[in-house]
């Protein structure tokens, strides 16, 4: 049995043929913690009390579970060869952001 996968470029929408050349971009976004910033007060703090309070607020529906931000986000994108070139050249798309020239009102 041969399964046909239909892959499209996540930037331009071009259909990428089955087995055709395409590229995968994987990204992860997470909070950068500097271990040098831990103080003695941090070590002495009762973190279990803070976690217990947060869980109680969820139970009391003060904070809905859907409003708690995950610690990390992972992304996966399929790119055609042309979009891969553009992505590698400008991964944060700064060129497009600089094209906007807002006038001061």
Protein backbone atom coordinates (compact mmCIF):
# COMPACT_ATOMS: atom_id res chain seq x y z
CA UNK A 1 0.00 0.00 0.00
CA UNK A 2 1.39 3.38 -1.02
CA UNK A 3 0.21 6.40 0.92
CA UNK A 4 0.31 9.75 -0.85
CA UNK A 5 1.05 12.68 1.36
CA UNK A 6 0.02 16.11 0.19
CA UNK A 7 2.45 18.67 1.55
CA UNK A 8 2.17 22.38 0.87
CA UNK A 9 4.63 25.15 1.63
CA UNK A 10 3.54 26.88 4.83
CA UNK A 11 4.69 30.26 3.49
CA UNK A 12 3.59 30.45 -0.14
CA UNK A 13 1.06 27.61 -0.29
CA UNK A 14 2.78 25.90 -3.24
CA UNK A 15 1.98 22.19 -3.39
CA UNK A 16 5.09 20.12 -2.84
CA UNK A 17 4.98 16.87 -4.78
CA UNK A 18 5.05 13.51 -3.07
CA UNK A 19 8.70 12.84 -2.34
CA UNK A 20 9.66 16.18 -3.86
CA UNK A 21 12.32 18.40 -2.42
CA UNK A 22 11.12 20.41 0.51
CA UNK A 23 12.55 21.57 3.81
CA UNK A 24 11.38 21.37 7.41
CA UNK A 25 11.85 24.21 9.91
CA UNK A 26 11.48 23.35 13.59
CA UNK A 27 11.41 26.11 16.18
CA UNK A 28 10.97 26.19 19.93
CA UNK A 29 10.15 29.24 22.01
CA UNK A 30 10.79 29.11 25.75
CA UNK A 31 11.66 31.41 28.62
CA UNK A 32 15.37 31.93 29.07
CA UNK A 33 16.26 31.54 32.71
CA UNK A 34 19.57 32.78 33.97
CA UNK A 35 20.65 30.52 36.83
CA UNK A 36 22.88 33.34 38.03
CA UNK A 37 19.75 35.25 39.04
CA UNK A 38 18.67 32.77 41.73
CA UNK A 39 18.94 34.36 45.15
CA UNK A 40 18.87 32.89 48.64
CA UNK A 41 15.35 34.26 48.98
CA UNK A 42 14.34 32.18 45.93
CA UNK A 43 15.73 29.06 47.57
CA UNK A 44 14.00 29.78 50.87
CA UNK A 45 10.61 30.52 49.26
CA UNK A 46 7.92 27.86 49.67
CA UNK A 47 7.17 27.04 46.05
CA UNK A 48 4.74 24.29 47.03
CA UNK A 49 2.52 26.94 48.61
CA UNK A 50 2.50 28.96 45.37
CA UNK A 51 1.65 25.85 43.30
CA UNK A 52 -1.09 24.91 45.76
CA UNK A 53 -2.57 28.41 45.52
CA UNK A 54 -2.52 28.29 41.70
CA UNK A 55 -4.22 24.88 41.68
CA UNK A 56 -6.86 26.19 44.10
CA UNK A 57 -7.52 29.19 41.83
CA UNK A 58 -7.99 26.80 38.90
CA UNK A 59 -10.42 24.71 40.98
CA UNK A 60 -12.29 27.87 42.00
CA UNK A 61 -12.36 28.90 38.32
CA UNK A 62 -10.55 32.16 39.11
CA UNK A 63 -7.95 31.19 36.52
CA UNK A 64 -9.22 28.94 33.77
CA UNK A 65 -6.78 26.21 32.68
CA UNK A 66 -6.97 27.59 29.14
CA UNK A 67 -5.53 30.91 30.37
CA UNK A 68 -2.31 29.40 31.72
CA UNK A 69 0.49 29.88 29.20
CA UNK A 70 2.51 26.77 28.44
CA UNK A 71 6.19 27.04 29.33
CA UNK A 72 7.28 26.34 25.74
CA UNK A 73 5.87 26.36 22.23
CA UNK A 74 7.09 24.13 19.43
CA UNK A 75 6.49 24.80 15.74
CA UNK A 76 7.08 22.81 12.55
CA UNK A 77 6.85 24.28 9.05
CA UNK A 78 7.29 22.75 5.58
CA UNK A 79 8.97 25.06 3.06
CA UNK A 80 9.57 24.89 -0.67
CA UNK A 81 13.17 25.54 -1.84
CA UNK A 82 12.43 29.21 -2.69
CA UNK A 83 10.82 29.97 0.69
CA UNK A 84 13.65 28.14 2.46
CA UNK A 85 16.13 30.54 0.85
CA UNK A 86 14.07 33.54 2.01
CA UNK A 87 13.68 32.08 5.51
CA UNK A 88 17.39 31.34 5.94
CA UNK A 89 18.26 34.85 4.71
CA UNK A 90 15.77 36.58 7.06
CA UNK A 91 14.28 34.14 9.64
CA UNK A 92 12.51 36.87 11.64
CA UNK A 93 11.15 38.57 8.52
CA UNK A 94 12.73 41.88 9.52
CA UNK A 95 12.81 43.03 5.89
CA UNK A 96 8.99 43.06 5.76
CA UNK A 97 8.73 44.89 9.10
CA UNK A 98 11.07 47.64 7.88
CA UNK A 99 8.94 48.25 4.78
CA UNK A 100 6.25 49.89 6.89
CA UNK A 101 6.99 53.58 7.15
CA UNK A 102 4.49 55.08 9.56
CA UNK A 103 4.08 58.82 9.46
CA UNK A 104 3.94 60.74 12.71
CA UNK A 105 0.49 62.21 13.24
